[in-house]
Amino acid sequence: QVQLVESGGGLVQAGGSLRLSCAASGRTFSNYNMGWFRQAPGKEREFVAASLSGSTPVYAAFLKGRFTITRDNAKKAVYLQLNSLKPEDTAVYYCAAGLSTRSNTEGGYDYWGQGTQVTVSS
């Protein structure tokens, strides 16, 4: 069982930055792929980025290098640095953990956090 708690969301102006954190419980954190997804109002949840166990990160194509995912296995945490934020980045951001190879789909994750709100004003 893995429990995930996100933090770091908030209100920021366009062009600004935020750093989201996800703290995980469980003894085998390093084995898990850790993903970030987001859901904007009226839209479906979409993949943002994933930190794969023992592999390079994966990013959604629309990001164009604006976001960076990192993880600290010793702290059982994963982070998402959001730079050059745009109003269309406004969403609830979710952290997820899973063991599947389908790291860019919701179905590849078994555990989800409650989400943290990111609001970008224009």
Protein backbone atom coordinates (compact mmCIF):
# COMPACT_ATOMS: atom_id res chain seq x y z
CA GLN A 1 0.00 0.00 0.00
CA VAL A 2 1.24 3.46 -0.92
CA GLN A 3 -0.19 6.74 0.32
CA LEU A 4 0.58 9.96 -1.51
CA VAL A 5 0.23 13.54 -0.32
CA GLU A 6 0.78 16.47 -2.68
CA SER A 7 1.70 20.00 -1.68
CA GLY A 8 3.06 23.20 -3.18
CA GLY A 9 0.14 24.36 -5.27
CA GLY A 10 -1.12 27.91 -5.21
CA LEU A 11 -1.88 31.06 -7.16
CA VAL A 12 0.83 32.44 -9.43
CA GLN A 13 0.99 34.96 -12.23
CA ALA A 14 1.64 33.92 -15.81
CA GLY A 15 5.35 33.43 -16.38
CA GLY A 16 5.93 32.44 -12.78
CA SER A 17 7.07 29.18 -11.23
CA LEU A 18 5.92 26.66 -8.66
CA ARG A 19 7.38 23.50 -7.22
CA LEU A 20 5.01 20.70 -6.40
CA SER A 21 5.95 17.98 -3.96
CA CYS A 22 4.56 14.52 -3.42
CA ALA A 23 5.39 12.64 -0.24
CA ALA A 24 4.92 8.88 -0.30
CA SER A 25 4.61 6.21 2.34
CA GLY A 26 5.62 2.60 1.85
CA ARG A 27 8.84 0.66 2.01
CA THR A 28 9.47 0.08 -1.71
CA PHE A 29 9.17 3.60 -3.07
CA SER A 30 12.21 3.22 -5.33
CA ASN A 31 10.51 0.40 -7.24
CA TYR A 32 7.58 2.53 -8.30
CA ASN A 33 7.09 4.69 -11.32
CA MET A 34 5.91 8.07 -10.09
CA GLY A 35 3.70 10.19 -12.29
CA TRP A 36 2.12 13.61 -12.33
CA PHE A 37 -1.23 14.19 -13.96
CA ARG A 38 -3.50 17.21 -14.07
CA GLN A 39 -7.17 17.92 -14.53
CA ALA A 40 -8.46 21.29 -15.63
CA PRO A 41 -12.08 22.33 -15.05
CA GLY A 42 -14.38 20.58 -17.50
CA LYS A 43 -11.58 18.47 -18.96
CA GLU A 44 -10.33 14.95 -18.54
CA ARG A 45 -7.30 14.19 -16.46
CA GLU A 46 -4.12 14.21 -18.56
CA PHE A 47 -0.58 12.95 -18.21
CA VAL A 48 2.11 15.50 -17.42
CA ALA A 49 5.32 13.68 -16.50
CA ALA A 50 6.67 10.46 -15.02
CA SER A 51 9.79 9.47 -13.16
CA LEU A 52 10.45 5.85 -13.97
CA SER A 53 12.22 3.48 -11.65
CA GLY A 54 15.70 3.06 -13.12
CA SER A 55 15.03 5.02 -16.29
CA THR A 56 14.89 8.51 -17.72
CA PRO A 57 11.85 10.74 -17.13
CA VAL A 58 8.97 10.90 -19.57
CA TYR A 59 7.11 14.11 -20.40
CA ALA A 60 3.95 15.07 -22.20
CA ALA A 61 4.75 16.61 -25.57
CA PHE A 62 2.80 19.81 -24.89
CA LEU A 63 5.15 20.82 -22.06
CA LYS A 64 8.02 21.78 -24.39
CA GLY A 65 10.55 21.73 -21.58
CA ARG A 66 8.70 23.95 -19.13
CA PHE A 67 8.28 21.35 -16.38
CA THR A 68 10.85 19.07 -14.75
CA ILE A 69 10.18 15.96 -12.68
CA THR A 70 12.69 14.75 -10.10
CA ARG A 71 12.61 12.21 -7.32
CA ASP A 72 14.45 11.56 -4.07
CA ASN A 73 14.19 7.90 -3.16
CA ALA A 74 15.79 8.45 0.25
CA LYS A 75 13.05 10.94 1.14
CA LYS A 76 10.34 8.96 -0.69
CA ALA A 77 9.37 12.06 -2.60
CA VAL A 78 8.81 13.20 -6.14
CA TYR A 79 8.77 16.79 -7.31
CA LEU A 80 7.46 18.70 -10.28
CA GLN A 81 9.07 22.04 -11.08
CA LEU A 82 6.70 24.19 -13.10
CA ASN A 83 8.29 27.08 -14.98
CA SER A 84 6.97 29.65 -17.46
CA LEU A 85 3.45 28.96 -16.27
CA LYS A 86 0.52 29.84 -18.48
CA PRO A 87 -3.16 30.33 -17.60
CA GLU A 88 -3.92 27.08 -19.42
CA ASP A 89 -1.76 25.26 -16.86
CA THR A 90 -4.46 25.94 -14.29
CA ALA A 91 -5.60 22.57 -12.95
CA VAL A 92 -5.57 20.20 -10.04
CA TYR A 93 -2.26 18.34 -10.16
CA TYR A 94 -2.19 14.73 -8.99
CA CYS A 95 0.67 12.51 -7.98
CA ALA A 96 0.43 8.80 -8.75
CA ALA A 97 2.43 5.62 -8.14
CA GLY A 98 2.46 2.41 -10.12
CA LEU A 99 4.48 -0.54 -11.33
CA SER A 100 3.14 -0.80 -14.88
CA THR A 101 5.11 0.04 -18.00
CA ARG A 102 2.18 2.21 -19.12
CA SER A 103 3.69 5.21 -17.37
CA ASN A 104 1.91 7.86 -19.44
CA THR A 105 -1.64 6.61 -18.87
CA GLU A 106 -3.90 6.66 -15.84
CA GLY A 107 -4.27 2.90 -16.08
CA GLY A 108 -0.58 2.48 -15.33
CA TYR A 109 -0.99 3.74 -11.78
CA ASP A 110 -2.49 2.09 -8.73
CA TYR A 111 -2.22 4.81 -6.11
CA TRP A 112 -3.27 8.45 -6.27
CA GLY A 113 -3.00 11.49 -4.09
CA GLN A 114 -5.79 13.95 -3.40
CA GLY A 115 -4.35 16.61 -5.67
CA THR A 116 -3.09 20.15 -5.27
CA GLN A 117 -4.60 23.17 -7.02
CA VAL A 118 -2.46 25.29 -9.32
CA THR A 119 -4.01 28.53 -10.54
CA VAL A 120 -2.22 30.75 -13.03
CA SER A 121 -3.55 34.26 -13.51
CA SER A 122 -3.06 36.23 -16.70
